[in-house]
PDB file of N, CA and C in Angstrom:
ATOM      1  N   UNK A   1      -1.921 -16.614   3.111  1.00  0.00           N
ATOM      2  CA  UNK A   1      -1.310 -15.930   1.988  1.00  0.00           C
ATOM      3  C   UNK A   1      -0.016 -15.273   2.465  1.00  0.00           C
ATOM      4  N   UNK A   2       1.042 -15.407   1.683  1.00  0.00           N
ATOM      5  CA  UNK A   2       2.332 -14.817   2.012  1.00  0.00           C
ATOM      6  C   UNK A   2       2.469 -13.431   1.386  1.00  0.00           C
ATOM      7  N   UNK A   3       3.352 -12.604   1.942  1.00  0.00           N
ATOM      8  CA  UNK A   3       3.570 -11.269   1.380  1.00  0.00           C
ATOM      9  C   UNK A   3       4.078 -11.363  -0.048  1.00  0.00           C
ATOM     10  N   UNK A   4       4.849 -12.381  -0.359  1.00  0.00           N
ATOM     11  CA  UNK A   4       5.345 -12.531  -1.729  1.00  0.00           C
ATOM     12  C   UNK A   4       4.198 -12.773  -2.711  1.00  0.00           C
ATOM     13  N   UNK A   5       3.113 -13.377  -2.239  1.00  0.00           N
ATOM     14  CA  UNK A   5       1.925 -13.549  -3.085  1.00  0.00           C
ATOM     15  C   UNK A   5       1.304 -12.199  -3.417  1.00  0.00           C
ATOM     16  N   UNK A   6       1.287 -11.294  -2.445  1.00  0.00           N
ATOM     17  CA  UNK A   6       0.765  -9.946  -2.675  1.00  0.00           C
ATOM     18  C   UNK A   6       1.641  -9.158  -3.641  1.00  0.00           C
ATOM     19  N   UNK A   7       2.946  -9.268  -3.485  1.00  0.00           N
ATOM     20  CA  UNK A   7       3.872  -8.441  -4.252  1.00  0.00           C
ATOM     21  C   UNK A   7       3.857  -8.743  -5.749  1.00  0.00           C
ATOM     22  N   UNK A   8       3.324  -9.851  -6.139  1.00  0.00           N
ATOM     23  CA  UNK A   8       3.271 -10.185  -7.562  1.00  0.00           C
ATOM     24  C   UNK A   8       1.969  -9.732  -8.226  1.00  0.00           C
ATOM     25  N   UNK A   9       1.073  -9.137  -7.463  1.00  0.00           N
ATOM     26  CA  UNK A   9      -0.231  -8.723  -7.997  1.00  0.00           C
ATOM     27  C   UNK A   9      -0.237  -7.243  -8.359  1.00  0.00           C
ATOM     28  N   UNK A  10      -0.904  -6.913  -9.453  1.00  0.00           N
ATOM     29  CA  UNK A  10      -1.115  -5.522  -9.829  1.00  0.00           C
ATOM     30  C   UNK A  10      -2.265  -4.961  -8.997  1.00  0.00           C
ATOM     31  N   UNK A  11      -2.156  -3.682  -8.645  1.00  0.00           N
ATOM     32  CA  UNK A  11      -3.208  -3.001  -7.904  1.00  0.00           C
ATOM     33  C   UNK A  11      -3.913  -2.058  -8.870  1.00  0.00           C
ATOM     34  N   UNK A  12      -5.241  -2.217  -8.998  1.00  0.00           N
ATOM     35  CA  UNK A  12      -6.032  -1.421  -9.935  1.00  0.00           C
ATOM     36  C   UNK A  12      -7.133  -0.711  -9.160  1.00  0.00           C
ATOM     37  N   UNK A  13      -7.257   0.594  -9.414  1.00  0.00           N
ATOM     38  CA  UNK A  13      -8.297   1.409  -8.792  1.00  0.00           C
ATOM     39  C   UNK A  13      -9.571   1.286  -9.617  1.00  0.00           C
ATOM     40  N   UNK A  14     -10.662   0.828  -8.984  1.00  0.00           N
ATOM     41  CA  UNK A  14     -11.912   0.638  -9.726  1.00  0.00           C
ATOM     42  C   UNK A  14     -12.613   1.958 -10.024  1.00  0.00           C
ATOM     43  N   UNK A  15     -12.220   3.037  -9.352  1.00  0.00           N
ATOM     44  CA  UNK A  15     -12.855   4.336  -9.576  1.00  0.00           C
ATOM     45  C   UNK A  15     -12.526   4.869 -10.963  1.00  0.00           C
ATOM     46  N   UNK A  16     -11.247   4.779 -11.346  1.00  0.00           N
ATOM     47  CA  UNK A  16     -10.836   5.314 -12.651  1.00  0.00           C
ATOM     48  C   UNK A  16     -10.198   4.272 -13.562  1.00  0.00           C
ATOM     49  N   UNK A  17     -10.069   3.030 -13.100  1.00  0.00           N
ATOM     50  CA  UNK A  17      -9.506   1.963 -13.915  1.00  0.00           C
ATOM     51  C   UNK A  17      -7.997   2.003 -14.072  1.00  0.00           C
ATOM     52  N   UNK A  18      -7.319   2.878 -13.330  1.00  0.00           N
ATOM     53  CA  UNK A  18      -5.872   3.011 -13.467  1.00  0.00           C
ATOM     54  C   UNK A  18      -5.132   1.949 -12.666  1.00  0.00           C
ATOM     55  N   UNK A  19      -4.052   1.464 -13.266  1.00  0.00           N
ATOM     56  CA  UNK A  19      -3.152   0.558 -12.564  1.00  0.00           C
ATOM     57  C   UNK A  19      -2.252   1.416 -11.681  1.00  0.00           C
ATOM     58  N   UNK A  20      -2.249   1.141 -10.382  1.00  0.00           N
ATOM     59  CA  UNK A  20      -1.457   1.909  -9.437  1.00  0.00           C
ATOM     60  C   UNK A  20      -0.047   1.357  -9.287  1.00  0.00           C
ATOM     61  N   UNK A  21       0.141   0.096  -9.597  1.00  0.00           N
ATOM     62  CA  UNK A  21       1.452  -0.538  -9.461  1.00  0.00           C
ATOM     63  C   UNK A  21       1.304  -1.867  -8.754  1.00  0.00           C
ATOM     64  N   UNK A  22       2.392  -2.322  -8.139  1.00  0.00           N
ATOM     65  CA  UNK A  22       2.379  -3.564  -7.383  1.00  0.00           C
ATOM     66  C   UNK A  22       2.675  -3.271  -5.922  1.00  0.00           C
ATOM     67  N   UNK A  23       2.160  -4.096  -5.061  1.00  0.00           N
ATOM     68  CA  UNK A  23       2.330  -3.905  -3.620  1.00  0.00           C
ATOM     69  C   UNK A  23       3.806  -4.063  -3.267  1.00  0.00           C
ATOM     70  N   UNK A  24       4.331  -3.064  -2.551  1.00  0.00           N
ATOM     71  CA  UNK A  24       5.727  -3.135  -2.119  1.00  0.00           C
ATOM     72  C   UNK A  24       5.844  -3.416  -0.632  1.00  0.00           C
ATOM     73  N   UNK A  25       4.783  -3.137   0.110  1.00  0.00           N
ATOM     74  CA  UNK A  25       4.877  -3.244   1.557  1.00  0.00           C
ATOM     75  C   UNK A  25       3.486  -3.381   2.162  1.00  0.00           C
ATOM     76  N   UNK A  26       3.450  -3.842   3.385  1.00  0.00           N
ATOM     77  CA  UNK A  26       2.218  -3.924   4.157  1.00  0.00           C
ATOM     78  C   UNK A  26       2.427  -3.181   5.462  1.00  0.00           C
ATOM     79  N   UNK A  27       1.395  -2.531   5.955  1.00  0.00           N
ATOM     80  CA  UNK A  27       1.429  -1.927   7.280  1.00  0.00           C
ATOM     81  C   UNK A  27       0.604  -2.816   8.191  1.00  0.00           C
ATOM     82  N   UNK A  28       1.214  -3.242   9.282  1.00  0.00           N
ATOM     83  CA  UNK A  28       0.570  -4.171  10.191  1.00  0.00           C
ATOM     84  C   UNK A  28       0.228  -3.494  11.508  1.00  0.00           C
ATOM     85  N   UNK A  29      -0.907  -3.863  12.076  1.00  0.00           N
ATOM     86  CA  UNK A  29      -1.254  -3.466  13.435  1.00  0.00           C
ATOM     87  C   UNK A  29      -0.864  -4.656  14.308  1.00  0.00           C
ATOM     88  N   UNK A  30       0.260  -4.528  14.981  1.00  0.00           N
ATOM     89  CA  UNK A  30       0.780  -5.643  15.766  1.00  0.00           C
ATOM     90  C   UNK A  30      -0.084  -5.950  16.986  1.00  0.00           C
ATOM     91  N   UNK A  31      -0.730  -4.929  17.535  1.00  0.00           N
ATOM     92  CA  UNK A  31      -1.585  -5.155  18.699  1.00  0.00           C
ATOM     93  C   UNK A  31      -2.805  -5.992  18.341  1.00  0.00           C
ATOM     94  N   UNK A  32      -3.397  -5.687  17.188  1.00  0.00           N
ATOM     95  CA  UNK A  32      -4.601  -6.393  16.749  1.00  0.00           C
ATOM     96  C   UNK A  32      -4.291  -7.624  15.904  1.00  0.00           C
ATOM     97  N   UNK A  33      -3.060  -7.707  15.401  1.00  0.00           N
ATOM     98  CA  UNK A  33      -2.668  -8.856  14.590  1.00  0.00           C
ATOM     99  C   UNK A  33      -3.323  -8.866  13.217  1.00  0.00           C
ATOM    100  N   UNK A  34      -3.405  -7.683  12.584  1.00  0.00           N
ATOM    101  CA  UNK A  34      -4.033  -7.628  11.265  1.00  0.00           C
ATOM    102  C   UNK A  34      -3.329  -6.608  10.372  1.00  0.00           C
ATOM    103  N   UNK A  35      -3.642  -6.701   9.097  1.00  0.00           N
ATOM    104  CA  UNK A  35      -3.082  -5.781   8.115  1.00  0.00           C
ATOM    105  C   UNK A  35      -3.881  -4.487   8.150  1.00  0.00           C
ATOM    106  N   UNK A  36      -3.180  -3.366   8.308  1.00  0.00           N
ATOM    107  CA  UNK A  36      -3.823  -2.048   8.309  1.00  0.00           C
ATOM    108  C   UNK A  36      -3.997  -1.526   6.890  1.00  0.00           C
ATOM    109  N   UNK A  37      -2.945  -1.645   6.079  1.00  0.00           N
ATOM    110  CA  UNK A  37      -2.991  -1.092   4.729  1.00  0.00           C
ATOM    111  C   UNK A  37      -1.920  -1.728   3.867  1.00  0.00           C
ATOM    112  N   UNK A  38      -2.088  -1.520   2.557  1.00  0.00           N
ATOM    113  CA  UNK A  38      -1.072  -1.948   1.597  1.00  0.00           C
ATOM    114  C   UNK A  38      -0.374  -0.689   1.084  1.00  0.00           C
ATOM    115  N   UNK A  39       0.872  -0.834   0.687  1.00  0.00           N
ATOM    116  CA  UNK A  39       1.664   0.289   0.206  1.00  0.00           C
ATOM    117  C   UNK A  39       2.107  -0.004  -1.216  1.00  0.00           C
ATOM    118  N   UNK A  40       1.829   0.942  -2.107  1.00  0.00           N
ATOM    119  CA  UNK A  40       2.231   0.841  -3.509  1.00  0.00           C
ATOM    120  C   UNK A  40       3.164   2.019  -3.787  1.00  0.00           C
ATOM    121  N   UNK A  41       4.373   1.761  -4.289  1.00  0.00           N
ATOM    122  CA  UNK A  41       5.268   2.888  -4.577  1.00  0.00           C
ATOM    123  C   UNK A  41       4.726   3.740  -5.713  1.00  0.00           C
ATOM    124  N   UNK A  42       5.060   5.027  -5.664  1.00  0.00           N
ATOM    125  CA  UNK A  42       4.643   5.919  -6.746  1.00  0.00           C
ATOM    126  C   UNK A  42       5.302   5.465  -8.038  1.00  0.00           C
ATOM    127  N   UNK A  43       4.773   5.871  -9.189  1.00  0.00           N
ATOM    128  CA  UNK A  43       5.314   5.411 -10.470  1.00  0.00           C
ATOM    129  C   UNK A  43       6.801   5.684 -10.653  1.00  0.00           C
ATOM    130  N   UNK A  44       7.348   6.697  -9.989  1.00  0.00           N
ATOM    131  CA  UNK A  44       8.761   7.029 -10.139  1.00  0.00           C
ATOM    132  C   UNK A  44       9.681   6.195  -9.279  1.00  0.00           C
ATOM    133  N   UNK A  45       9.127   5.304  -8.452  1.00  0.00           N
ATOM    134  CA  UNK A  45       9.938   4.498  -7.551  1.00  0.00           C
ATOM    135  C   UNK A  45       9.979   3.060  -8.025  1.00  0.00           C
ATOM    136  N   UNK A  46      11.066   2.379  -7.757  1.00  0.00           N
ATOM    137  CA  UNK A  46      11.239   0.989  -8.152  1.00  0.00           C
ATOM    138  C   UNK A  46      11.252   0.132  -6.904  1.00  0.00           C
ATOM    139  N   UNK A  47      10.232  -0.680  -6.709  1.00  0.00           N
ATOM    140  CA  UNK A  47      10.067  -1.536  -5.536  1.00  0.00           C
ATOM    141  C   UNK A  47      10.160  -0.747  -4.230  1.00  0.00           C
ATOM    142  N   UNK A  48       9.775   0.539  -4.284  1.00  0.00           N
ATOM    143  CA  UNK A  48       9.763   1.345  -3.080  1.00  0.00           C
ATOM    144  C   UNK A  48      11.110   1.838  -2.617  1.00  0.00           C
ATOM    145  N   UNK A  49      12.187   1.547  -3.365  1.00  0.00           N
ATOM    146  CA  UNK A  49      13.515   1.915  -2.906  1.00  0.00           C
ATOM    147  C   UNK A  49      14.134   3.046  -3.699  1.00  0.00           C
ATOM    148  N   UNK A  50      14.172   2.930  -5.001  1.00  0.00           N
ATOM    149  CA  UNK A  50      14.918   3.864  -5.837  1.00  0.00           C
ATOM    150  C   UNK A  50      13.977   4.916  -6.418  1.00  0.00           C
ATOM    151  N   UNK A  51      14.437   6.137  -6.441  1.00  0.00           N
ATOM    152  CA  UNK A  51      13.637   7.231  -6.974  1.00  0.00           C
ATOM    153  C   UNK A  51      13.026   8.031  -5.850  1.00  0.00           C
ATOM    154  N   UNK A  52      12.244   9.001  -6.233  1.00  0.00           N
ATOM    155  CA  UNK A  52      11.610   9.831  -5.213  1.00  0.00           C
ATOM    156  C   UNK A  52      10.116   9.878  -5.456  1.00  0.00           C
ATOM    157  N   UNK A  53       9.415  10.394  -4.503  1.00  0.00           N
ATOM    158  CA  UNK A  53       7.975  10.502  -4.643  1.00  0.00           C
ATOM    159  C   UNK A  53       7.279   9.929  -3.439  1.00  0.00           C
ATOM    160  N   UNK A  54       5.984   9.905  -3.516  1.00  0.00           N
ATOM    161  CA  UNK A  54       5.165   9.456  -2.400  1.00  0.00           C
ATOM    162  C   UNK A  54       4.693   8.035  -2.635  1.00  0.00           C
ATOM    163  N   UNK A  55       4.492   7.332  -1.540  1.00  0.00           N
ATOM    164  CA  UNK A  55       3.883   6.013  -1.622  1.00  0.00           C
ATOM    165  C   UNK A  55       2.370   6.186  -1.641  1.00  0.00           C
ATOM    166  N   UNK A  56       1.685   5.247  -2.254  1.00  0.00           N
ATOM    167  CA  UNK A  56       0.232   5.205  -2.189  1.00  0.00           C
ATOM    168  C   UNK A  56      -0.095   4.221  -1.067  1.00  0.00           C
ATOM    169  N   UNK A  57      -0.688   4.732  -0.004  1.00  0.00           N
ATOM    170  CA  UNK A  57      -1.048   3.904   1.141  1.00  0.00           C
ATOM    171  C   UNK A  57      -2.553   3.682   1.093  1.00  0.00           C
ATOM    172  N   UNK A  58      -2.942   2.443   0.921  1.00  0.00           N
ATOM    173  CA  UNK A  58      -4.350   2.107   0.728  1.00  0.00           C
ATOM    174  C   UNK A  58      -4.838   1.310   1.936  1.00  0.00           C
ATOM    175  N   UNK A  59      -5.774   1.869   2.700  1.00  0.00           N
ATOM    176  CA  UNK A  59      -6.304   1.148   3.866  1.00  0.00           C
ATOM    177  C   UNK A  59      -6.927  -0.190   3.451  1.00  0.00           C
ATOM    178  N   UNK A  60      -6.804  -1.165   4.315  1.00  0.00           N
ATOM    179  CA  UNK A  60      -7.318  -2.514   4.034  1.00  0.00           C
ATOM    180  C   UNK A  60      -8.805  -2.472   3.697  1.00  0.00           C
ATOM    181  N   UNK A  61      -9.552  -1.569   4.334  1.00  0.00           N
ATOM    182  CA  UNK A  61     -11.000  -1.481   4.091  1.00  0.00           C
ATOM    183  C   UNK A  61     -11.323  -1.036   2.664  1.00  0.00           C
ATOM    184  N   UNK A  62     -10.351  -0.475   1.949  1.00  0.00           N
ATOM    185  CA  UNK A  62     -10.564  -0.031   0.568  1.00  0.00           C
ATOM    186  C   UNK A  62     -10.269  -1.119  -0.452  1.00  0.00           C
ATOM    187  N   UNK A  63      -9.851  -2.278   0.004  1.00  0.00           N
ATOM    188  CA  UNK A  63      -9.633  -3.400  -0.913  1.00  0.00           C
ATOM    189  C   UNK A  63     -10.978  -4.036  -1.199  1.00  0.00           C
ATOM    190  N   UNK A  64     -11.321  -4.089  -2.479  1.00  0.00           N
ATOM    191  CA  UNK A  64     -12.611  -4.633  -2.896  1.00  0.00           C
ATOM    192  C   UNK A  64     -12.514  -6.137  -3.145  1.00  0.00           C
ATOM    193  N   UNK A  65     -11.456  -6.548  -3.845  1.00  0.00           N
ATOM    194  CA  UNK A  65     -11.315  -7.958  -4.212  1.00  0.00           C
ATOM    195  C   UNK A  65      -9.851  -8.286  -4.427  1.00  0.00           C
ATOM    196  N   UNK A  66      -9.433  -9.441  -3.935  1.00  0.00           N
ATOM    197  CA  UNK A  66      -8.081  -9.948  -4.192  1.00  0.00           C
ATOM    198  C   UNK A  66      -8.241 -11.142  -5.116  1.00  0.00           C
ATOM    199  N   UNK A  67      -7.781 -10.970  -6.350  1.00  0.00           N
ATOM    200  CA  UNK A  67      -7.886 -12.030  -7.337  1.00  0.00           C
ATOM    201  C   UNK A  67      -6.566 -12.756  -7.521  1.00  0.00           C
ATOM    202  N   UNK A  68      -6.519 -13.629  -8.513  1.00  0.00           N
ATOM    203  CA  UNK A  68      -5.303 -14.395  -8.803  1.00  0.00           C
ATOM    204  C   UNK A  68      -4.157 -13.493  -9.254  1.00  0.00           C
ATOM    205  N   UNK A  69      -4.460 -12.467 -10.048  1.00  0.00           N
ATOM    206  CA  UNK A  69      -3.427 -11.604 -10.622  1.00  0.00           C
ATOM    207  C   UNK A  69      -3.550 -10.146 -10.216  1.00  0.00           C
ATOM    208  N   UNK A  70      -4.712  -9.746  -9.686  1.00  0.00           N
ATOM    209  CA  UNK A  70      -5.004  -8.332  -9.471  1.00  0.00           C
ATOM    210  C   UNK A  70      -5.643  -8.117  -8.100  1.00  0.00           C
ATOM    211  N   UNK A  71      -5.317  -6.971  -7.496  1.00  0.00           N
ATOM    212  CA  UNK A  71      -5.994  -6.509  -6.293  1.00  0.00           C
ATOM    213  C   UNK A  71      -6.802  -5.281  -6.707  1.00  0.00           C
ATOM    214  N   UNK A  72      -8.119  -5.361  -6.568  1.00  0.00           N
ATOM    215  CA  UNK A  72      -8.985  -4.236  -6.908  1.00  0.00           C
ATOM    216  C   UNK A  72      -9.218  -3.393  -5.663  1.00  0.00           C
ATOM    217  N   UNK A  73      -8.969  -2.090  -5.795  1.00  0.00           N
ATOM    218  CA  UNK A  73      -9.141  -1.173  -4.674  1.00  0.00           C
ATOM    219  C   UNK A  73     -10.046  -0.033  -5.080  1.00  0.00           C
ATOM    220  N   UNK A  74     -10.625   0.621  -4.095  1.00  0.00           N
ATOM    221  CA  UNK A  74     -11.459   1.793  -4.349  1.00  0.00           C
ATOM    222  C   UNK A  74     -10.809   2.974  -3.645  1.00  0.00           C
ATOM    223  N   UNK A  75     -10.154   3.825  -4.450  1.00  0.00           N
ATOM    224  CA  UNK A  75      -9.462   5.001  -3.925  1.00  0.00           C
ATOM    225  C   UNK A  75     -10.041   6.215  -4.634  1.00  0.00           C
ATOM    226  N   UNK A  76     -10.873   6.964  -3.921  1.00  0.00           N
ATOM    227  CA  UNK A  76     -11.506   8.132  -4.528  1.00  0.00           C
ATOM    228  C   UNK A  76     -10.751   9.414  -4.236  1.00  0.00           C
ATOM    229  N   UNK A  77      -9.887   9.380  -3.228  1.00  0.00           N
ATOM    230  CA  UNK A  77      -9.205  10.592  -2.790  1.00  0.00           C
ATOM    231  C   UNK A  77      -7.701  10.409  -2.918  1.00  0.00           C
ATOM    232  N   UNK A  78      -7.048  11.345  -3.561  1.00  0.00           N
ATOM    233  CA  UNK A  78      -5.607  11.240  -3.752  1.00  0.00           C
ATOM    234  C   UNK A  78      -4.828  11.506  -2.472  1.00  0.00           C
ATOM    235  N   UNK A  79      -5.501  11.817  -1.372  1.00  0.00           N
ATOM    236  CA  UNK A  79      -4.801  12.078  -0.117  1.00  0.00           C
ATOM    237  C   UNK A  79      -4.232  10.809   0.511  1.00  0.00           C
ATOM    238  N   UNK A  80      -4.441   9.659  -0.092  1.00  0.00           N
ATOM    239  CA  UNK A  80      -3.805   8.449   0.429  1.00  0.00           C
ATOM    240  C   UNK A  80      -2.316   8.444   0.109  1.00  0.00           C
ATOM    241  N   UNK A  81      -1.880   9.397  -0.726  1.00  0.00           N
ATOM    242  CA  UNK A  81      -0.468   9.498  -1.043  1.00  0.00           C
ATOM    243  C   UNK A  81       0.261  10.109   0.135  1.00  0.00           C
ATOM    244  N   UNK A  82       1.439   9.565   0.462  1.00  0.00           N
ATOM    245  CA  UNK A  82       2.252  10.159   1.518  1.00  0.00           C
ATOM    246  C   UNK A  82       3.701   9.823   1.257  1.00  0.00           C
ATOM    247  N   UNK A  83       4.564  10.735   1.627  1.00  0.00           N
ATOM    248  CA  UNK A  83       5.990  10.503   1.471  1.00  0.00           C
ATOM    249  C   UNK A  83       6.422   9.396   2.407  1.00  0.00           C
ATOM    250  N   UNK A  84       7.273   8.511   1.930  1.00  0.00           N
ATOM    251  CA  UNK A  84       7.753   7.399   2.748  1.00  0.00           C
ATOM    252  C   UNK A  84       8.487   7.910   3.975  1.00  0.00           C
ATOM    253  N   UNK A  85       9.231   9.016   3.829  1.00  0.00           N
ATOM    254  CA  UNK A  85       9.981   9.565   4.953  1.00  0.00           C
ATOM    255  C   UNK A  85       9.037  10.050   6.050  1.00  0.00           C
ATOM    256  N   UNK A  86       7.896  10.629   5.668  1.00  0.00           N
ATOM    257  CA  UNK A  86       6.918  11.100   6.648  1.00  0.00           C
ATOM    258  C   UNK A  86       6.350   9.920   7.428  1.00  0.00           C
ATOM    259  N   UNK A  87       6.045   8.857   6.742  1.00  0.00           N
ATOM    260  CA  UNK A  87       5.452   7.694   7.395  1.00  0.00           C
ATOM    261  C   UNK A  87       6.431   7.061   8.369  1.00  0.00           C
ATOM    262  N   UNK A  88       7.678   6.914   7.969  1.00  0.00           N
ATOM    263  CA  UNK A  88       8.658   6.254   8.811  1.00  0.00           C
ATOM    264  C   UNK A  88       8.998   7.051  10.059  1.00  0.00           C
ATOM    265  N   UNK A  89       8.883   8.368  10.013  1.00  0.00           N
ATOM    266  CA  UNK A  89       9.274   9.194  11.144  1.00  0.00           C
ATOM    267  C   UNK A  89       8.105   9.576  12.046  1.00  0.00           C
ATOM    268  N   UNK A  90       6.895   9.274  11.661  1.00  0.00           N
ATOM    269  CA  UNK A  90       5.727   9.635  12.458  1.00  0.00           C
ATOM    270  C   UNK A  90       5.666   8.783  13.720  1.00  0.00           C
ATOM    271  N   UNK A  91       5.629   9.399  14.928  1.00  0.00           N
ATOM    272  CA  UNK A  91       5.589   8.616  16.165  1.00  0.00           C
ATOM    273  C   UNK A  91       4.332   7.751  16.260  1.00  0.00           C
ATOM    274  N   UNK A  92       3.182   8.298  15.874  1.00  0.00           N
ATOM    275  CA  UNK A  92       1.945   7.527  15.926  1.00  0.00           C
ATOM    276  C   UNK A  92       2.031   6.319  15.005  1.00  0.00           C
ATOM    277  N   UNK A  93       2.571   6.536  13.830  1.00  0.00           N
ATOM    278  CA  UNK A  93       2.724   5.460  12.853  1.00  0.00           C
ATOM    279  C   UNK A  93       3.627   4.365  13.395  1.00  0.00           C
ATOM    280  N   UNK A  94       4.746   4.749  13.990  1.00  0.00           N
ATOM    281  CA  UNK A  94       5.718   3.783  14.496  1.00  0.00           C
ATOM    282  C   UNK A  94       5.153   2.958  15.639  1.00  0.00           C
ATOM    283  N   UNK A  95       4.352   3.574  16.497  1.00  0.00           N
ATOM    284  CA  UNK A  95       3.788   2.857  17.630  1.00  0.00           C
ATOM    285  C   UNK A  95       2.660   1.941  17.223  1.00  0.00           C
ATOM    286  N   UNK A  96       1.921   2.335  16.200  1.00  0.00           N
ATOM    287  CA  UNK A  96       0.706   1.613  15.829  1.00  0.00           C
ATOM    288  C   UNK A  96       0.969   0.491  14.843  1.00  0.00           C
ATOM    289  N   UNK A  97       1.910   0.690  13.940  1.00  0.00           N
ATOM    290  CA  UNK A  97       2.084  -0.288  12.874  1.00  0.00           C
ATOM    291  C   UNK A  97       3.532  -0.712  12.732  1.00  0.00           C
ATOM    292  N   UNK A  98       3.707  -1.741  11.969  1.00  0.00           N
ATOM    293  CA  UNK A  98       5.037  -2.212  11.628  1.00  0.00           C
ATOM    294  C   UNK A  98       5.027  -2.540  10.148  1.00  0.00           C
ATOM    295  N   UNK A  99       5.858  -1.843   9.385  1.00  0.00           N
ATOM    296  CA  UNK A  99       5.930  -2.129   7.963  1.00  0.00           C
ATOM    297  C   UNK A  99       6.775  -3.365   7.764  1.00  0.00           C
ATOM    298  N   UNK A 100       6.300  -4.259   6.933  1.00  0.00           N
ATOM    299  CA  UNK A 100       6.977  -5.507   6.656  1.00  0.00           C
ATOM    300  C   UNK A 100       8.135  -5.272   5.724  1.00  0.00           C
TER     301      UNK A 100
END
């Protein structure tokens, strides 16, 4: 599956049925060669670039199902939200992952 295949899918939280948006980015663990999490821009952002707000970072383990049009996730805690600037500047984040 290509990243462009992910970016065309809507992300829906099964806990409350809300559409979170579309995937804008992936966080990769380069050492392990796997996807750590998906990133969905906050509603005020356009493709993760324009606007302000926090990204919704959803760990791969919280993905329930990847369908043809939708990615179903289980997010019970709003603490998955984080400012994009915080993520990019975190030393642990930079060493551990690579955003696509």
